[in-house]
PDB file of N, CA and C in Angstrom:
ATOM      1  N   MET A   1     180.683 110.732 -69.177  1.00  0.00           N
ATOM      2  CA  MET A   1     180.455 110.636 -70.611  1.00  0.00           C
ATOM      3  C   MET A   1     181.099 109.349 -71.136  1.00  0.00           C
ATOM      4  N   LYS A   2     180.387 108.697 -72.048  1.00  0.00           N
ATOM      5  CA  LYS A   2     180.906 107.447 -72.603  1.00  0.00           C
ATOM      6  C   LYS A   2     182.029 107.723 -73.597  1.00  0.00           C
ATOM      7  N   SER A   3     182.958 106.790 -73.663  1.00  0.00           N
ATOM      8  CA  SER A   3     184.056 106.932 -74.610  1.00  0.00           C
ATOM      9  C   SER A   3     183.572 106.564 -76.015  1.00  0.00           C
ATOM     10  N   ILE A   4     184.346 106.939 -76.997  1.00  0.00           N
ATOM     11  CA  ILE A   4     184.007 106.620 -78.386  1.00  0.00           C
ATOM     12  C   ILE A   4     183.950 105.104 -78.587  1.00  0.00           C
ATOM     13  N   GLU A   5     184.795 104.367 -77.854  1.00  0.00           N
ATOM     14  CA  GLU A   5     184.771 102.912 -77.964  1.00  0.00           C
ATOM     15  C   GLU A   5     183.452 102.343 -77.451  1.00  0.00           C
ATOM     16  N   ASP A   6     182.948 102.903 -76.352  1.00  0.00           N
ATOM     17  CA  ASP A   6     181.658 102.458 -75.812  1.00  0.00           C
ATOM     18  C   ASP A   6     180.529 102.746 -76.798  1.00  0.00           C
ATOM     19  N   ILE A   7     180.571 103.934 -77.382  1.00  0.00           N
ATOM     20  CA  ILE A   7     179.535 104.317 -78.340  1.00  0.00           C
ATOM     21  C   ILE A   7     179.595 103.417 -79.573  1.00  0.00           C
ATOM     22  N   MET A   8     180.778 103.124 -80.049  1.00  0.00           N
ATOM     23  CA  MET A   8     180.932 102.247 -81.209  1.00  0.00           C
ATOM     24  C   MET A   8     180.450 100.834 -80.901  1.00  0.00           C
ATOM     25  N   ALA A   9     180.717 100.355 -79.694  1.00  0.00           N
ATOM     26  CA  ALA A   9     180.248  99.023 -79.297  1.00  0.00           C
ATOM     27  C   ALA A   9     178.721  98.999 -79.242  1.00  0.00           C
ATOM     28  N   MET A  10     178.108 100.056 -78.716  1.00  0.00           N
ATOM     29  CA  MET A  10     176.646 100.118 -78.675  1.00  0.00           C
ATOM     30  C   MET A  10     176.068 100.161 -80.089  1.00  0.00           C
ATOM     31  N   ALA A  11     176.693 100.919 -80.976  1.00  0.00           N
ATOM     32  CA  ALA A  11     176.236 101.001 -82.356  1.00  0.00           C
ATOM     33  C   ALA A  11     176.341  99.629 -83.037  1.00  0.00           C
ATOM     34  N   GLN A  12     177.402  98.903 -82.765  1.00  0.00           N
ATOM     35  CA  GLN A  12     177.567  97.565 -83.340  1.00  0.00           C
ATOM     36  C   GLN A  12     176.492  96.625 -82.824  1.00  0.00           C
ATOM     37  N   ASN A  13     176.157  96.727 -81.535  1.00  0.00           N
ATOM     38  CA  ASN A  13     175.097  95.895 -80.972  1.00  0.00           C
ATOM     39  C   ASN A  13     173.754  96.194 -81.622  1.00  0.00           C
ATOM     40  N   VAL A  14     173.477  97.465 -81.846  1.00  0.00           N
ATOM     41  CA  VAL A  14     172.232  97.850 -82.521  1.00  0.00           C
ATOM     42  C   VAL A  14     172.206  97.278 -83.933  1.00  0.00           C
ATOM     43  N   GLN A  15     173.309  97.388 -84.648  1.00  0.00           N
ATOM     44  CA  GLN A  15     173.383  96.852 -86.009  1.00  0.00           C
ATOM     45  C   GLN A  15     173.146  95.347 -86.017  1.00  0.00           C
ATOM     46  N   ASN A  16     173.741  94.634 -85.050  1.00  0.00           N
ATOM     47  CA  ASN A  16     173.543  93.189 -84.963  1.00  0.00           C
ATOM     48  C   ASN A  16     172.077  92.847 -84.719  1.00  0.00           C
ATOM     49  N   GLU A  17     171.420  93.596 -83.839  1.00  0.00           N
ATOM     50  CA  GLU A  17     170.001  93.349 -83.554  1.00  0.00           C
ATOM     51  C   GLU A  17     169.136  93.633 -84.776  1.00  0.00           C
ATOM     52  N   LEU A  18     169.452  94.695 -85.507  1.00  0.00           N
ATOM     53  CA  LEU A  18     168.700  95.009 -86.724  1.00  0.00           C
ATOM     54  C   LEU A  18     168.879  93.923 -87.784  1.00  0.00           C
ATOM     55  N   THR A  19     170.081  93.394 -87.882  1.00  0.00           N
ATOM     56  CA  THR A  19     170.339  92.312 -88.838  1.00  0.00           C
ATOM     57  C   THR A  19     169.511  91.081 -88.484  1.00  0.00           C
ATOM     58  N   LYS A  20     169.463  90.740 -87.184  1.00  0.00           N
ATOM     59  CA  LYS A  20     168.652  89.595 -86.754  1.00  0.00           C
ATOM     60  C   LYS A  20     167.171  89.841 -87.008  1.00  0.00           C
ATOM     61  N   ALA A  21     166.711  91.055 -86.727  1.00  0.00           N
ATOM     62  CA  ALA A  21     165.300  91.379 -86.944  1.00  0.00           C
ATOM     63  C   ALA A  21     164.951  91.285 -88.426  1.00  0.00           C
ATOM     64  N   GLN A  22     165.820  91.764 -89.296  1.00  0.00           N
ATOM     65  CA  GLN A  22     165.560  91.691 -90.727  1.00  0.00           C
ATOM     66  C   GLN A  22     165.518  90.250 -91.198  1.00  0.00           C
ATOM     67  N   ALA A  23     166.388  89.405 -90.672  1.00  0.00           N
ATOM     68  CA  ALA A  23     166.381  87.989 -91.032  1.00  0.00           C
ATOM     69  C   ALA A  23     165.059  87.345 -90.625  1.00  0.00           C
ATOM     70  N   ASN A  24     164.538  87.731 -89.456  1.00  0.00           N
ATOM     71  CA  ASN A  24     163.249  87.200 -89.029  1.00  0.00           C
ATOM     72  C   ASN A  24     162.129  87.685 -89.946  1.00  0.00           C
ATOM     73  N   LEU A  25     162.165  88.944 -90.327  1.00  0.00           N
ATOM     74  CA  LEU A  25     161.128  89.485 -91.205  1.00  0.00           C
ATOM     75  C   LEU A  25     161.160  88.825 -92.579  1.00  0.00           C
ATOM     76  N   ASP A  26     162.322  88.454 -93.047  1.00  0.00           N
ATOM     77  CA  ASP A  26     162.439  87.825 -94.360  1.00  0.00           C
ATOM     78  C   ASP A  26     161.671  86.516 -94.443  1.00  0.00           C
ATOM     79  N   GLY A  27     161.464  85.860 -93.307  1.00  0.00           N
ATOM     80  CA  GLY A  27     160.787  84.569 -93.315  1.00  0.00           C
ATOM     81  C   GLY A  27     159.310  84.638 -92.986  1.00  0.00           C
ATOM     82  N   ILE A  28     158.766  85.823 -92.763  1.00  0.00           N
ATOM     83  CA  ILE A  28     157.361  85.947 -92.350  1.00  0.00           C
ATOM     84  C   ILE A  28     156.445  85.851 -93.562  1.00  0.00           C
ATOM     85  N   GLU A  29     155.373  85.083 -93.409  1.00  0.00           N
ATOM     86  CA  GLU A  29     154.343  85.018 -94.434  1.00  0.00           C
ATOM     87  C   GLU A  29     153.205  85.933 -94.019  1.00  0.00           C
ATOM     88  N   VAL A  30     152.638  86.638 -94.996  1.00  0.00           N
ATOM     89  CA  VAL A  30     151.553  87.574 -94.727  1.00  0.00           C
ATOM     90  C   VAL A  30     150.349  87.162 -95.553  1.00  0.00           C
ATOM     91  N   GLU A  31     149.182  87.087 -94.902  1.00  0.00           N
ATOM     92  CA  GLU A  31     147.963  86.784 -95.631  1.00  0.00           C
ATOM     93  C   GLU A  31     147.230  88.089 -95.882  1.00  0.00           C
ATOM     94  N   GLY A  32     146.988  88.387 -97.165  1.00  0.00           N
ATOM     95  CA  GLY A  32     146.306  89.625 -97.534  1.00  0.00           C
ATOM     96  C   GLY A  32     144.804  89.514 -97.349  1.00  0.00           C
ATOM     97  N   ALA A  33     144.107  90.635 -97.529  1.00  0.00           N
ATOM     98  CA  ALA A  33     142.658  90.693 -97.335  1.00  0.00           C
ATOM     99  C   ALA A  33     141.928  89.765 -98.301  1.00  0.00           C
ATOM    100  N   SER A  34     142.496  89.513 -99.464  1.00  0.00           N
ATOM    101  CA  SER A  34     141.843  88.656-100.448  1.00  0.00           C
ATOM    102  C   SER A  34     142.075  87.175-100.159  1.00  0.00           C
ATOM    103  N   GLY A  35     142.852  86.891 -99.129  1.00  0.00           N
ATOM    104  CA  GLY A  35     143.141  85.505 -98.785  1.00  0.00           C
ATOM    105  C   GLY A  35     144.414  84.981 -99.418  1.00  0.00           C
ATOM    106  N   LEU A  36     145.042  85.783-100.253  1.00  0.00           N
ATOM    107  CA  LEU A  36     146.295  85.358-100.862  1.00  0.00           C
ATOM    108  C   LEU A  36     147.400  85.383 -99.817  1.00  0.00           C
ATOM    109  N   VAL A  37     148.299  84.451 -99.897  1.00  0.00           N
ATOM    110  CA  VAL A  37     149.407  84.383 -98.957  1.00  0.00           C
ATOM    111  C   VAL A  37     150.667  84.840 -99.672  1.00  0.00           C
ATOM    112  N   PHE A  38     151.331  85.801 -99.073  1.00  0.00           N
ATOM    113  CA  PHE A  38     152.578  86.307 -99.619  1.00  0.00           C
ATOM    114  C   PHE A  38     153.695  85.917 -98.680  1.00  0.00           C
ATOM    115  N   GLU A  39     154.760  85.397 -99.235  1.00  0.00           N
ATOM    116  CA  GLU A  39     155.934  85.114 -98.417  1.00  0.00           C
ATOM    117  C   GLU A  39     156.954  86.199 -98.696  1.00  0.00           C
ATOM    118  N   CYS A  40     157.332  86.891 -97.638  1.00  0.00           N
ATOM    119  CA  CYS A  40     158.291  87.986 -97.801  1.00  0.00           C
ATOM    120  C   CYS A  40     159.667  87.409 -98.087  1.00  0.00           C
ATOM    121  N   SER A  41     160.301  87.974 -99.062  1.00  0.00           N
ATOM    122  CA  SER A  41     161.673  87.592 -99.377  1.00  0.00           C
ATOM    123  C   SER A  41     162.426  88.853 -99.742  1.00  0.00           C
ATOM    124  N   LYS A  42     163.674  88.718-100.091  1.00  0.00           N
ATOM    125  CA  LYS A  42     164.466  89.890-100.424  1.00  0.00           C
ATOM    126  C   LYS A  42     163.847  90.638-101.612  1.00  0.00           C
ATOM    127  N   GLU A  43     163.153  89.936-102.501  1.00  0.00           N
ATOM    128  CA  GLU A  43     162.570  90.573-103.668  1.00  0.00           C
ATOM    129  C   GLU A  43     161.421  91.496-103.311  1.00  0.00           C
ATOM    130  N   CYS A  44     160.709  91.230-102.204  1.00  0.00           N
ATOM    131  CA  CYS A  44     159.539  92.046-101.880  1.00  0.00           C
ATOM    132  C   CYS A  44     159.882  93.264-101.038  1.00  0.00           C
ATOM    133  N   LYS A  45     161.119  93.467-100.717  1.00  0.00           N
ATOM    134  CA  LYS A  45     161.487  94.616 -99.896  1.00  0.00           C
ATOM    135  C   LYS A  45     161.232  95.935-100.598  1.00  0.00           C
ATOM    136  N   ASP A  46     161.225  95.935-101.947  1.00  0.00           N
ATOM    137  CA  ASP A  46     161.051  97.171-102.678  1.00  0.00           C
ATOM    138  C   ASP A  46     159.589  97.603-102.768  1.00  0.00           C
ATOM    139  N   TYR A  47     158.668  96.779-102.310  1.00  0.00           N
ATOM    140  CA  TYR A  47     157.235  97.093-102.419  1.00  0.00           C
ATOM    141  C   TYR A  47     156.681  97.633-101.150  1.00  0.00           C
TER     142      TYR A  47
END
């Protein structure tokens, strides 16, 4: 069985990967069906 320290280290690694993935998503541009281009930013996360 893994120790609590091992589990915490794995959880931290997952959090770091999620942070990197979110940073990548923030910069992605999406072209909608109407041809409009939307650039994702922190403001569009609520939609």
